[in-house]
mmCIF file of all heavy atoms, coordinates in Angstrom:
data_MODEL
# 
_entry.id   MODEL 
# 
loop_
_atom_site.group_PDB 
_atom_site.id 
_atom_site.type_symbol 
_atom_site.label_atom_id 
_atom_site.label_alt_id 
_atom_site.label_comp_id 
_atom_site.label_asym_id 
_atom_site.label_entity_id 
_atom_site.label_seq_id 
_atom_site.pdbx_PDB_ins_code 
_atom_site.Cartn_x 
_atom_site.Cartn_y 
_atom_site.Cartn_z 
_atom_site.occupancy 
_atom_site.B_iso_or_equiv 
_atom_site.pdbx_formal_charge 
_atom_site.auth_seq_id 
_atom_site.auth_comp_id 
_atom_site.auth_asym_id 
_atom_site.auth_atom_id 
_atom_site.pdbx_PDB_model_num 
ATOM 1   N N   . TYR A 1 1  ? 2.384  -0.980  -15.620 1.00 0.00 ? 1  TYR A N   1 
ATOM 2   C CA  . TYR A 1 1  ? 3.215  -0.477  -14.512 1.00 0.00 ? 1  TYR A CA  1 
ATOM 3   C C   . TYR A 1 1  ? 2.586  0.726   -13.831 1.00 0.00 ? 1  TYR A C   1 
ATOM 4   O O   . TYR A 1 1  ? 2.742  0.898   -12.613 1.00 0.00 ? 1  TYR A O   1 
ATOM 5   C CB  . TYR A 1 1  ? 4.584  -0.129  -15.039 1.00 0.00 ? 1  TYR A CB  1 
ATOM 6   C CG  . TYR A 1 1  ? 5.522  -1.333  -15.086 1.00 0.00 ? 1  TYR A CG  1 
ATOM 7   C CD1 . TYR A 1 1  ? 5.324  -2.342  -16.049 1.00 0.00 ? 1  TYR A CD1 1 
ATOM 8   C CD2 . TYR A 1 1  ? 6.550  -1.496  -14.169 1.00 0.00 ? 1  TYR A CD2 1 
ATOM 9   C CE1 . TYR A 1 1  ? 6.137  -3.415  -16.090 1.00 0.00 ? 1  TYR A CE1 1 
ATOM 10  C CE2 . TYR A 1 1  ? 7.371  -2.596  -14.226 1.00 0.00 ? 1  TYR A CE2 1 
ATOM 11  C CZ  . TYR A 1 1  ? 7.157  -3.563  -15.184 1.00 0.00 ? 1  TYR A CZ  1 
ATOM 12  O OH  . TYR A 1 1  ? 7.969  -4.671  -15.213 1.00 0.00 ? 1  TYR A OH  1 
ATOM 13  N N   . GLY A 1 2  ? 1.835  1.526   -14.573 1.00 0.00 ? 2  GLY A N   1 
ATOM 14  C CA  . GLY A 1 2  ? 1.124  2.616   -13.921 1.00 0.00 ? 2  GLY A CA  1 
ATOM 15  C C   . GLY A 1 2  ? 0.078  2.107   -12.943 1.00 0.00 ? 2  GLY A C   1 
ATOM 16  O O   . GLY A 1 2  ? -0.021 2.587   -11.802 1.00 0.00 ? 2  GLY A O   1 
ATOM 17  N N   . ALA A 1 3  ? -0.702 1.103   -13.391 1.00 0.00 ? 3  ALA A N   1 
ATOM 18  C CA  . ALA A 1 3  ? -1.706 0.531   -12.522 1.00 0.00 ? 3  ALA A CA  1 
ATOM 19  C C   . ALA A 1 3  ? -1.060 -0.185  -11.333 1.00 0.00 ? 3  ALA A C   1 
ATOM 20  O O   . ALA A 1 3  ? -1.508 -0.070  -10.172 1.00 0.00 ? 3  ALA A O   1 
ATOM 21  C CB  . ALA A 1 3  ? -2.579 -0.462  -13.334 1.00 0.00 ? 3  ALA A CB  1 
ATOM 22  N N   . GLY A 1 4  ? 0.044  -0.880  -11.615 1.00 0.00 ? 4  GLY A N   1 
ATOM 23  C CA  . GLY A 1 4  ? 0.754  -1.593  -10.495 1.00 0.00 ? 4  GLY A CA  1 
ATOM 24  C C   . GLY A 1 4  ? 1.262  -0.631  -9.447  1.00 0.00 ? 4  GLY A C   1 
ATOM 25  O O   . GLY A 1 4  ? 1.158  -0.909  -8.250  1.00 0.00 ? 4  GLY A O   1 
ATOM 26  N N   . GLN A 1 5  ? 1.830  0.493   -9.936  1.00 0.00 ? 5  GLN A N   1 
ATOM 27  C CA  . GLN A 1 5  ? 2.391  1.456   -8.967  1.00 0.00 ? 5  GLN A CA  1 
ATOM 28  C C   . GLN A 1 5  ? 1.249  2.119   -8.134  1.00 0.00 ? 5  GLN A C   1 
ATOM 29  O O   . GLN A 1 5  ? 1.396  2.321   -6.902  1.00 0.00 ? 5  GLN A O   1 
ATOM 30  C CB  . GLN A 1 5  ? 3.132  2.542   -9.705  1.00 0.00 ? 5  GLN A CB  1 
ATOM 31  C CG  . GLN A 1 5  ? 3.726  3.655   -8.855  1.00 0.00 ? 5  GLN A CG  1 
ATOM 32  C CD  . GLN A 1 5  ? 4.813  3.157   -7.904  1.00 0.00 ? 5  GLN A CD  1 
ATOM 33  O OE1 . GLN A 1 5  ? 5.475  2.136   -8.209  1.00 0.00 ? 5  GLN A OE1 1 
ATOM 34  N NE2 . GLN A 1 5  ? 4.977  3.835   -6.782  1.00 0.00 ? 5  GLN A NE2 1 
ATOM 35  N N   . LEU A 1 6  ? 0.122  2.431   -8.755  1.00 0.00 ? 6  LEU A N   1 
ATOM 36  C CA  . LEU A 1 6  ? -0.989 3.005   -8.007  1.00 0.00 ? 6  LEU A CA  1 
ATOM 37  C C   . LEU A 1 6  ? -1.487 2.025   -6.938  1.00 0.00 ? 6  LEU A C   1 
ATOM 38  O O   . LEU A 1 6  ? -1.790 2.417   -5.822  1.00 0.00 ? 6  LEU A O   1 
ATOM 39  C CB  . LEU A 1 6  ? -2.089 3.380   -8.978  1.00 0.00 ? 6  LEU A CB  1 
ATOM 40  C CG  . LEU A 1 6  ? -1.823 4.584   -9.887  1.00 0.00 ? 6  LEU A CG  1 
ATOM 41  C CD1 . LEU A 1 6  ? -2.973 4.794   -10.889 1.00 0.00 ? 6  LEU A CD1 1 
ATOM 42  C CD2 . LEU A 1 6  ? -1.626 5.860   -9.048  1.00 0.00 ? 6  LEU A CD2 1 
ATOM 43  N N   . VAL A 1 7  ? -1.716 0.776   -7.348  1.00 0.00 ? 7  VAL A N   1 
ATOM 44  C CA  . VAL A 1 7  ? -2.219 -0.266  -6.409  1.00 0.00 ? 7  VAL A CA  1 
ATOM 45  C C   . VAL A 1 7  ? -1.262 -0.444  -5.283  1.00 0.00 ? 7  VAL A C   1 
ATOM 46  O O   . VAL A 1 7  ? -1.651 -0.543  -4.107  1.00 0.00 ? 7  VAL A O   1 
ATOM 47  C CB  . VAL A 1 7  ? -2.482 -1.542  -7.178  1.00 0.00 ? 7  VAL A CB  1 
ATOM 48  C CG1 . VAL A 1 7  ? -2.844 -2.654  -6.191  1.00 0.00 ? 7  VAL A CG1 1 
ATOM 49  C CG2 . VAL A 1 7  ? -3.619 -1.393  -8.168  1.00 0.00 ? 7  VAL A CG2 1 
ATOM 50  N N   . GLU A 1 8  ? 0.058  -0.520  -5.592  1.00 0.00 ? 8  GLU A N   1 
ATOM 51  C CA  . GLU A 1 8  ? 1.060  -0.687  -4.561  1.00 0.00 ? 8  GLU A CA  1 
ATOM 52  C C   . GLU A 1 8  ? 1.114  0.464   -3.594  1.00 0.00 ? 8  GLU A C   1 
ATOM 53  O O   . GLU A 1 8  ? 1.192  0.268   -2.381  1.00 0.00 ? 8  GLU A O   1 
ATOM 54  C CB  . GLU A 1 8  ? 2.426  -0.913  -5.194  1.00 0.00 ? 8  GLU A CB  1 
ATOM 55  C CG  . GLU A 1 8  ? 3.539  -1.276  -4.238  1.00 0.00 ? 8  GLU A CG  1 
ATOM 56  C CD  . GLU A 1 8  ? 4.248  -0.027  -3.696  1.00 0.00 ? 8  GLU A CD  1 
ATOM 57  O OE1 . GLU A 1 8  ? 4.183  1.002   -4.384  1.00 0.00 ? 8  GLU A OE1 1 
ATOM 58  O OE2 . GLU A 1 8  ? 4.821  -0.100  -2.588  1.00 0.00 ? 8  GLU A OE2 1 
ATOM 59  N N   . SER A 1 9  ? 1.110  1.690   -4.144  1.00 0.00 ? 9  SER A N   1 
ATOM 60  C CA  . SER A 1 9  ? 1.293  2.892   -3.289  1.00 0.00 ? 9  SER A CA  1 
ATOM 61  C C   . SER A 1 9  ? 0.068  3.183   -2.430  1.00 0.00 ? 9  SER A C   1 
ATOM 62  O O   . SER A 1 9  ? 0.227  3.605   -1.274  1.00 0.00 ? 9  SER A O   1 
ATOM 63  C CB  . SER A 1 9  ? 1.597  4.098   -4.178  1.00 0.00 ? 9  SER A CB  1 
ATOM 64  O OG  . SER A 1 9  ? 2.807  3.916   -4.896  1.00 0.00 ? 9  SER A OG  1 
ATOM 65  N N   . PHE A 1 10 ? -1.132 3.017   -3.010  1.00 0.00 ? 10 PHE A N   1 
ATOM 66  C CA  . PHE A 1 10 ? -2.338 3.444   -2.304  1.00 0.00 ? 10 PHE A CA  1 
ATOM 67  C C   . PHE A 1 10 ? -3.140 2.310   -1.699  1.00 0.00 ? 10 PHE A C   1 
ATOM 68  O O   . PHE A 1 10 ? -4.125 2.577   -0.989  1.00 0.00 ? 10 PHE A O   1 
ATOM 69  C CB  . PHE A 1 10 ? -3.230 4.232   -3.282  1.00 0.00 ? 10 PHE A CB  1 
ATOM 70  C CG  . PHE A 1 10 ? -2.627 5.529   -3.729  1.00 0.00 ? 10 PHE A CG  1 
ATOM 71  C CD1 . PHE A 1 10 ? -1.992 5.628   -4.974  1.00 0.00 ? 10 PHE A CD1 1 
ATOM 72  C CD2 . PHE A 1 10 ? -2.594 6.623   -2.901  1.00 0.00 ? 10 PHE A CD2 1 
ATOM 73  C CE1 . PHE A 1 10 ? -1.438 6.820   -5.372  1.00 0.00 ? 10 PHE A CE1 1 
ATOM 74  C CE2 . PHE A 1 10 ? -2.003 7.820   -3.304  1.00 0.00 ? 10 PHE A CE2 1 
ATOM 75  C CZ  . PHE A 1 10 ? -1.437 7.923   -4.549  1.00 0.00 ? 10 PHE A CZ  1 
ATOM 76  N N   . TYR A 1 11 ? -2.738 1.060   -1.952  1.00 0.00 ? 11 TYR A N   1 
ATOM 77  C CA  . TYR A 1 11 ? -3.489 -0.024  -1.338  1.00 0.00 ? 11 TYR A CA  1 
ATOM 78  C C   . TYR A 1 11 ? -2.610 -1.059  -0.688  1.00 0.00 ? 11 TYR A C   1 
ATOM 79  O O   . TYR A 1 11 ? -2.705 -1.300  0.507   1.00 0.00 ? 11 TYR A O   1 
ATOM 80  C CB  . TYR A 1 11 ? -4.410 -0.692  -2.349  1.00 0.00 ? 11 TYR A CB  1 
ATOM 81  C CG  . TYR A 1 11 ? -5.241 -1.799  -1.714  1.00 0.00 ? 11 TYR A CG  1 
ATOM 82  C CD1 . TYR A 1 11 ? -6.407 -1.483  -0.988  1.00 0.00 ? 11 TYR A CD1 1 
ATOM 83  C CD2 . TYR A 1 11 ? -4.894 -3.147  -1.853  1.00 0.00 ? 11 TYR A CD2 1 
ATOM 84  C CE1 . TYR A 1 11 ? -7.150 -2.481  -0.388  1.00 0.00 ? 11 TYR A CE1 1 
ATOM 85  C CE2 . TYR A 1 11 ? -5.627 -4.128  -1.277  1.00 0.00 ? 11 TYR A CE2 1 
ATOM 86  C CZ  . TYR A 1 11 ? -6.757 -3.807  -0.525  1.00 0.00 ? 11 TYR A CZ  1 
ATOM 87  O OH  . TYR A 1 11 ? -7.473 -4.776  0.058   1.00 0.00 ? 11 TYR A OH  1 
ATOM 88  N N   . LEU A 1 12 ? -1.695 -1.686  -1.476  1.00 0.00 ? 12 LEU A N   1 
ATOM 89  C CA  . LEU A 1 12 ? -0.966 -2.816  -0.965  1.00 0.00 ? 12 LEU A CA  1 
ATOM 90  C C   . LEU A 1 12 ? -0.046 -2.436  0.207   1.00 0.00 ? 12 LEU A C   1 
ATOM 91  O O   . LEU A 1 12 ? -0.132 -3.003  1.305   1.00 0.00 ? 12 LEU A O   1 
ATOM 92  C CB  . LEU A 1 12 ? -0.104 -3.447  -2.089  1.00 0.00 ? 12 LEU A CB  1 
ATOM 93  C CG  . LEU A 1 12 ? -0.889 -4.234  -3.156  1.00 0.00 ? 12 LEU A CG  1 
ATOM 94  C CD1 . LEU A 1 12 ? 0.037  -4.759  -4.216  1.00 0.00 ? 12 LEU A CD1 1 
ATOM 95  C CD2 . LEU A 1 12 ? -1.693 -5.370  -2.534  1.00 0.00 ? 12 LEU A CD2 1 
ATOM 96  N N   . THR A 1 13 ? 0.842  -1.460  -0.032  1.00 0.00 ? 13 THR A N   1 
ATOM 97  C CA  . THR A 1 13 ? 1.786  -1.079  1.049   1.00 0.00 ? 13 THR A CA  1 
ATOM 98  C C   . THR A 1 13 ? 1.055  -0.467  2.237   1.00 0.00 ? 13 THR A C   1 
ATOM 99  O O   . THR A 1 13 ? 1.332  -0.849  3.399   1.00 0.00 ? 13 THR A O   1 
ATOM 100 C CB  . THR A 1 13 ? 2.867  -0.131  0.511   1.00 0.00 ? 13 THR A CB  1 
ATOM 101 O OG1 . THR A 1 13 ? 3.662  -0.838  -0.450  1.00 0.00 ? 13 THR A OG1 1 
ATOM 102 C CG2 . THR A 1 13 ? 3.767  0.388   1.613   1.00 0.00 ? 13 THR A CG2 1 
ATOM 103 N N   . PRO A 1 14 ? 0.131  0.489   2.015   1.00 0.00 ? 14 PRO A N   1 
ATOM 104 C CA  . PRO A 1 14 ? -0.561 1.023   3.215   1.00 0.00 ? 14 PRO A CA  1 
ATOM 105 C C   . PRO A 1 14 ? -1.360 -0.045  3.945   1.00 0.00 ? 14 PRO A C   1 
ATOM 106 O O   . PRO A 1 14 ? -1.395 -0.013  5.180   1.00 0.00 ? 14 PRO A O   1 
ATOM 107 C CB  . PRO A 1 14 ? -1.466 2.105   2.597   1.00 0.00 ? 14 PRO A CB  1 
ATOM 108 C CG  . PRO A 1 14 ? -0.803 2.484   1.323   1.00 0.00 ? 14 PRO A CG  1 
ATOM 109 C CD  . PRO A 1 14 ? -0.195 1.238   0.810   1.00 0.00 ? 14 PRO A CD  1 
ATOM 110 N N   . ARG A 1 15 ? -2.005 -0.996  3.222   1.00 0.00 ? 15 ARG A N   1 
ATOM 111 C CA  . ARG A 1 15 ? -2.865 -1.947  3.877   1.00 0.00 ? 15 ARG A CA  1 
ATOM 112 C C   . ARG A 1 15 ? -2.088 -3.130  4.440   1.00 0.00 ? 15 ARG A C   1 
ATOM 113 O O   . ARG A 1 15 ? -2.281 -3.537  5.593   1.00 0.00 ? 15 ARG A O   1 
ATOM 114 C CB  . ARG A 1 15 ? -3.929 -2.488  2.893   1.00 0.00 ? 15 ARG A CB  1 
ATOM 115 C CG  . ARG A 1 15 ? -4.843 -1.421  2.325   1.00 0.00 ? 15 ARG A CG  1 
ATOM 116 C CD  . ARG A 1 15 ? -5.637 -0.751  3.423   1.00 0.00 ? 15 ARG A CD  1 
ATOM 117 N NE  . ARG A 1 15 ? -6.550 0.283   2.911   1.00 0.00 ? 15 ARG A NE  1 
ATOM 118 C CZ  . ARG A 1 15 ? -7.245 1.108   3.653   1.00 0.00 ? 15 ARG A CZ  1 
ATOM 119 N NH1 . ARG A 1 15 ? -7.169 1.003   4.956   1.00 0.00 ? 15 ARG A NH1 1 
ATOM 120 N NH2 . ARG A 1 15 ? -8.017 2.020   3.103   1.00 0.00 ? 15 ARG A NH2 1 
ATOM 121 N N   . LEU A 1 16 ? -1.215 -3.721  3.625   1.00 0.00 ? 16 LEU A N   1 
ATOM 122 C CA  . LEU A 1 16 ? -0.522 -4.927  4.042   1.00 0.00 ? 16 LEU A CA  1 
ATOM 123 C C   . LEU A 1 16 ? 0.697  -4.643  4.920   1.00 0.00 ? 16 LEU A C   1 
ATOM 124 O O   . LEU A 1 16 ? 1.094  -5.511  5.690   1.00 0.00 ? 16 LEU A O   1 
ATOM 125 C CB  . LEU A 1 16 ? -0.089 -5.724  2.807   1.00 0.00 ? 16 LEU A CB  1 
ATOM 126 C CG  . LEU A 1 16 ? -1.225 -6.231  1.907   1.00 0.00 ? 16 LEU A CG  1 
ATOM 127 C CD1 . LEU A 1 16 ? -0.647 -7.019  0.743   1.00 0.00 ? 16 LEU A CD1 1 
ATOM 128 C CD2 . LEU A 1 16 ? -2.194 -7.070  2.685   1.00 0.00 ? 16 LEU A CD2 1 
ATOM 129 N N   . VAL A 1 17 ? 1.285  -3.447  4.780   1.00 0.00 ? 17 VAL A N   1 
ATOM 130 C CA  . VAL A 1 17 ? 2.448  -3.101  5.591   1.00 0.00 ? 17 VAL A CA  1 
ATOM 131 C C   . VAL A 1 17 ? 2.056  -2.061  6.627   1.00 0.00 ? 17 VAL A C   1 
ATOM 132 O O   . VAL A 1 17 ? 2.307  -2.230  7.819   1.00 0.00 ? 17 VAL A O   1 
ATOM 133 C CB  . VAL A 1 17 ? 3.613  -2.561  4.706   1.00 0.00 ? 17 VAL A CB  1 
ATOM 134 C CG1 . VAL A 1 17 ? 4.801  -2.155  5.563   1.00 0.00 ? 17 VAL A CG1 1 
ATOM 135 C CG2 . VAL A 1 17 ? 4.015  -3.647  3.711   1.00 0.00 ? 17 VAL A CG2 1 
ATOM 136 N N   . GLY A 1 18 ? 1.453  -0.956  6.168   1.00 0.00 ? 18 GLY A N   1 
ATOM 137 C CA  . GLY A 1 18 ? 1.120  0.116   7.077   1.00 0.00 ? 18 GLY A CA  1 
ATOM 138 C C   . GLY A 1 18 ? 0.173  -0.299  8.182   1.00 0.00 ? 18 GLY A C   1 
ATOM 139 O O   . GLY A 1 18 ? 0.379  0.016   9.362   1.00 0.00 ? 18 GLY A O   1 
ATOM 140 N N   . GLU A 1 19 ? -0.892 -1.027  7.823   1.00 0.00 ? 19 GLU A N   1 
ATOM 141 C CA  . GLU A 1 19 ? -1.835 -1.420  8.839   1.00 0.00 ? 19 GLU A CA  1 
ATOM 142 C C   . GLU A 1 19 ? -1.270 -2.473  9.800   1.00 0.00 ? 19 GLU A C   1 
ATOM 143 O O   . GLU A 1 19 ? -1.618 -2.504  10.979  1.00 0.00 ? 19 GLU A O   1 
ATOM 144 C CB  . GLU A 1 19 ? -3.115 -1.994  8.166   1.00 0.00 ? 19 GLU A CB  1 
ATOM 145 C CG  . GLU A 1 19 ? -3.987 -0.923  7.550   1.00 0.00 ? 19 GLU A CG  1 
ATOM 146 C CD  . GLU A 1 19 ? -5.304 -1.490  7.070   1.00 0.00 ? 19 GLU A CD  1 
ATOM 147 O OE1 . GLU A 1 19 ? -5.501 -2.694  7.114   1.00 0.00 ? 19 GLU A OE1 1 
ATOM 148 O OE2 . GLU A 1 19 ? -6.165 -0.679  6.634   1.00 0.00 ? 19 GLU A OE2 1 
ATOM 149 N N   . ARG A 1 20 ? -0.379 -3.320  9.292   1.00 0.00 ? 20 ARG A N   1 
ATOM 150 C CA  . ARG A 1 20 ? 0.238  -4.318  10.176  1.00 0.00 ? 20 ARG A CA  1 
ATOM 151 C C   . ARG A 1 20 ? 1.086  -3.651  11.247  1.00 0.00 ? 20 ARG A C   1 
ATOM 152 O O   . ARG A 1 20 ? 1.195  -4.198  12.382  1.00 0.00 ? 20 ARG A O   1 
ATOM 153 C CB  . ARG A 1 20 ? 1.099  -5.271  9.343   1.00 0.00 ? 20 ARG A CB  1 
ATOM 154 C CG  . ARG A 1 20 ? 0.294  -6.304  8.567   1.00 0.00 ? 20 ARG A CG  1 
ATOM 155 C CD  . ARG A 1 20 ? 1.181  -7.104  7.628   1.00 0.00 ? 20 ARG A CD  1 
ATOM 156 N NE  . ARG A 1 20 ? 0.408  -8.133  6.947   1.00 0.00 ? 20 ARG A NE  1 
ATOM 157 C CZ  . ARG A 1 20 ? 0.395  -9.414  7.305   1.00 0.00 ? 20 ARG A CZ  1 
ATOM 158 N NH1 . ARG A 1 20 ? 1.089  -9.809  8.340   1.00 0.00 ? 20 ARG A NH1 1 
ATOM 159 N NH2 . ARG A 1 20 ? -0.313 -10.297 6.646   1.00 0.00 ? 20 ARG A NH2 1 
ATOM 160 N N   . ILE A 1 21 ? 1.775  -2.566  10.917  1.00 0.00 ? 21 ILE A N   1 
ATOM 161 C CA  . ILE A 1 21 ? 2.605  -1.928  11.912  1.00 0.00 ? 21 ILE A CA  1 
ATOM 162 C C   . ILE A 1 21 ? 1.903  -0.684  12.530  1.00 0.00 ? 21 ILE A C   1 
ATOM 163 O O   . ILE A 1 21 ? 2.473  0.007   13.339  1.00 0.00 ? 21 ILE A O   1 
ATOM 164 C CB  . ILE A 1 21 ? 3.965  -1.495  11.313  1.00 0.00 ? 21 ILE A CB  1 
ATOM 165 C CG1 . ILE A 1 21 ? 3.753  -0.464  10.201  1.00 0.00 ? 21 ILE A CG1 1 
ATOM 166 C CG2 . ILE A 1 21 ? 4.716  -2.679  10.833  1.00 0.00 ? 21 ILE A CG2 1 
ATOM 167 C CD1 . ILE A 1 21 ? 5.087  0.004   9.558   1.00 0.00 ? 21 ILE A CD1 1 
ATOM 168 N N   . GLY A 1 22 ? 0.673  -0.449  12.107  1.00 0.00 ? 22 GLY A N   1 
ATOM 169 C CA  . GLY A 1 22 ? -0.117 0.602   12.704  1.00 0.00 ? 22 GLY A CA  1 
ATOM 170 C C   . GLY A 1 22 ? 0.135  1.988   12.142  1.00 0.00 ? 22 GLY A C   1 
ATOM 171 O O   . GLY A 1 22 ? -0.187 2.975   12.795  1.00 0.00 ? 22 GLY A O   1 
ATOM 172 N N   . LEU A 1 23 ? 0.719  2.072   10.947  1.00 0.00 ? 23 LEU A N   1 
ATOM 173 C CA  . LEU A 1 23 ? 1.017  3.372   10.349  1.00 0.00 ? 23 LEU A CA  1 
ATOM 174 C C   . LEU A 1 23 ? -0.093 3.742   9.393   1.00 0.00 ? 23 LEU A C   1 
ATOM 175 O O   . LEU A 1 23 ? -0.529 2.933   8.567   1.00 0.00 ? 23 LEU A O   1 
ATOM 176 C CB  . LEU A 1 23 ? 2.364  3.345   9.627   1.00 0.00 ? 23 LEU A CB  1 
ATOM 177 C CG  . LEU A 1 23 ? 3.627  3.374   10.467  1.00 0.00 ? 23 LEU A CG  1 
ATOM 178 C CD1 . LEU A 1 23 ? 4.863  3.223   9.575   1.00 0.00 ? 23 LEU A CD1 1 
ATOM 179 C CD2 . LEU A 1 23 ? 3.737  4.613   11.310  1.00 0.00 ? 23 LEU A CD2 1 
ATOM 180 N N   . HIS A 1 24 ? -0.480 4.992   9.432   1.00 0.00 ? 24 HIS A N   1 
ATOM 181 C CA  . HIS A 1 24 ? -1.445 5.526   8.460   1.00 0.00 ? 24 HIS A CA  1 
ATOM 182 C C   . HIS A 1 24 ? -0.823 5.582   7.069   1.00 0.00 ? 24 HIS A C   1 
ATOM 183 O O   . HIS A 1 24 ? 0.415  5.798   6.979   1.00 0.00 ? 24 HIS A O   1 
ATOM 184 C CB  . HIS A 1 24 ? -1.905 6.930   8.916   1.00 0.00 ? 24 HIS A CB  1 
ATOM 185 C CG  . HIS A 1 24 ? -3.068 7.467   8.146   1.00 0.00 ? 24 HIS A CG  1 
ATOM 186 N ND1 . HIS A 1 24 ? -2.928 8.129   6.927   1.00 0.00 ? 24 HIS A ND1 1 
ATOM 187 C CD2 . HIS A 1 24 ? -4.412 7.426   8.420   1.00 0.00 ? 24 HIS A CD2 1 
ATOM 188 C CE1 . HIS A 1 24 ? -4.131 8.473   6.492   1.00 0.00 ? 24 HIS A CE1 1 
ATOM 189 N NE2 . HIS A 1 24 ? -5.030 8.074   7.349   1.00 0.00 ? 24 HIS A NE2 1 
# 
């Protein structure tokens, strides 16, 4: 869960969600 939270917070959400809507 620690690895999953890190990947989600610093890669998945910023890249797959943030980049799609243009948010840093």
